[in-house]
Amino acid sequence: MYYKKVILGLLLAFVVGFICQLTHIPVPAPPVLGVALLVFLTSCGYWLTGLYLQRRDMKREAP
């Protein structure tokens, strides 16, 4: 279930970037690689923390 959300989010990001490139609209993202990497890593951390908390709760509920 979570993988579908991640894949859908990445696909949406690529579509928005592609449309912005075709129409010559500035991309709604930081133009510096370091800052873009920071945004990406923050998103990954959020996602991984959600997975960790979900698995931790599942272990507590298991007998």
C-alpha atoms as a PDB file:
ATOM      1  CA  MET A   1       0.000   0.000   0.000  1.00  0.00           C
ATOM      2  CA  TYR A   2       2.727   2.481   0.935  1.00  0.00           C
ATOM      3  CA  TYR A   3       4.773   1.580  -2.126  1.00  0.00           C
ATOM      4  CA  LYS A   4       1.862   2.564  -4.349  1.00  0.00           C
ATOM      5  CA  LYS A   5       1.804   6.006  -2.729  1.00  0.00           C
ATOM      6  CA  VAL A   6       5.553   6.444  -3.175  1.00  0.00           C
ATOM      7  CA  ILE A   7       5.465   5.353  -6.813  1.00  0.00           C
ATOM      8  CA  LEU A   8       2.439   7.563  -7.481  1.00  0.00           C
ATOM      9  CA  GLY A   9       4.190  10.514  -5.831  1.00  0.00           C
ATOM     10  CA  LEU A  10       7.346  10.030  -7.890  1.00  0.00           C
ATOM     11  CA  LEU A  11       5.312   9.663 -11.070  1.00  0.00           C
ATOM     12  CA  LEU A  12       3.398  12.848 -10.282  1.00  0.00           C
ATOM     13  CA  ALA A  13       6.648  14.705  -9.604  1.00  0.00           C
ATOM     14  CA  PHE A  14       8.100  13.624 -12.949  1.00  0.00           C
ATOM     15  CA  VAL A  15       4.899  14.589 -14.780  1.00  0.00           C
ATOM     16  CA  VAL A  16       4.880  18.058 -13.189  1.00  0.00           C
ATOM     17  CA  GLY A  17       8.560  18.514 -14.047  1.00  0.00           C
ATOM     18  CA  PHE A  18       7.984  17.339 -17.610  1.00  0.00           C
ATOM     19  CA  ILE A  19       5.047  19.705 -18.123  1.00  0.00           C
ATOM     20  CA  CYS A  20       7.014  22.591 -16.630  1.00  0.00           C
ATOM     21  CA  GLN A  21       9.893  21.858 -19.017  1.00  0.00           C
ATOM     22  CA  LEU A  22       7.613  21.715 -22.064  1.00  0.00           C
ATOM     23  CA  THR A  23       5.785  24.931 -21.230  1.00  0.00           C
ATOM     24  CA  HIS A  24       8.929  26.771 -20.031  1.00  0.00           C
ATOM     25  CA  ILE A  25       7.373  27.427 -16.615  1.00  0.00           C
ATOM     26  CA  PRO A  26       9.834  27.612 -13.708  1.00  0.00           C
ATOM     27  CA  VAL A  27       9.844  24.321 -11.840  1.00  0.00           C
ATOM     28  CA  PRO A  28       8.330  24.614  -8.342  1.00  0.00           C
ATOM     29  CA  ALA A  29      11.478  23.164  -6.764  1.00  0.00           C
ATOM     30  CA  PRO A  30      14.840  24.469  -5.600  1.00  0.00           C
ATOM     31  CA  PRO A  31      17.236  25.018  -8.531  1.00  0.00           C
ATOM     32  CA  VAL A  32      20.300  24.006  -6.488  1.00  0.00           C
ATOM     33  CA  LEU A  33      21.199  20.317  -6.388  1.00  0.00           C
ATOM     34  CA  GLY A  34      22.111  20.359  -2.692  1.00  0.00           C
ATOM     35  CA  VAL A  35      18.772  21.852  -1.681  1.00  0.00           C
ATOM     36  CA  ALA A  36      16.855  19.478  -3.939  1.00  0.00           C
ATOM     37  CA  LEU A  37      18.742  16.589  -2.350  1.00  0.00           C
ATOM     38  CA  LEU A  38      17.798  17.898   1.090  1.00  0.00           C
ATOM     39  CA  VAL A  39      14.108  17.964   0.113  1.00  0.00           C
ATOM     40  CA  PHE A  40      14.396  14.427  -1.272  1.00  0.00           C
ATOM     41  CA  LEU A  41      16.139  13.090   1.825  1.00  0.00           C
ATOM     42  CA  THR A  42      13.598  14.771   4.103  1.00  0.00           C
ATOM     43  CA  SER A  43      10.813  13.057   2.165  1.00  0.00           C
ATOM     44  CA  CYS A  44      12.614   9.711   2.399  1.00  0.00           C
ATOM     45  CA  GLY A  45      13.099  10.166   6.135  1.00  0.00           C
ATOM     46  CA  TYR A  46       9.405  10.913   6.582  1.00  0.00           C
ATOM     47  CA  TRP A  47       8.468   7.813   4.610  1.00  0.00           C
ATOM     48  CA  LEU A  48      10.949   5.534   6.412  1.00  0.00           C
ATOM     49  CA  THR A  49       9.827   6.799   9.812  1.00  0.00           C
ATOM     50  CA  GLY A  50       6.238   5.971   8.888  1.00  0.00           C
ATOM     51  CA  LEU A  51       7.265   2.438   7.917  1.00  0.00           C
ATOM     52  CA  TYR A  52       9.227   2.009  11.150  1.00  0.00           C
ATOM     53  CA  LEU A  53       6.340   3.165  13.310  1.00  0.00           C
ATOM     54  CA  GLN A  54       3.902   0.933  11.456  1.00  0.00           C
ATOM     55  CA  ARG A  55       6.098  -2.148  11.913  1.00  0.00           C
ATOM     56  CA  ARG A  56       6.712  -1.306  15.566  1.00  0.00           C
ATOM     57  CA  ASP A  57       2.968  -1.111  16.181  1.00  0.00           C
ATOM     58  CA  MET A  58       2.437  -4.421  14.370  1.00  0.00           C
ATOM     59  CA  LYS A  59       5.028  -6.128  16.605  1.00  0.00           C
ATOM     60  CA  ARG A  60       3.311  -4.815  19.730  1.00  0.00           C
ATOM     61  CA  GLU A  61      -0.072  -6.161  18.618  1.00  0.00           C
ATOM     62  CA  ALA A  62       1.276  -9.621  17.717  1.00  0.00           C
ATOM     63  CA  PRO A  63       1.004 -12.204  20.518  1.00  0.00           C
END
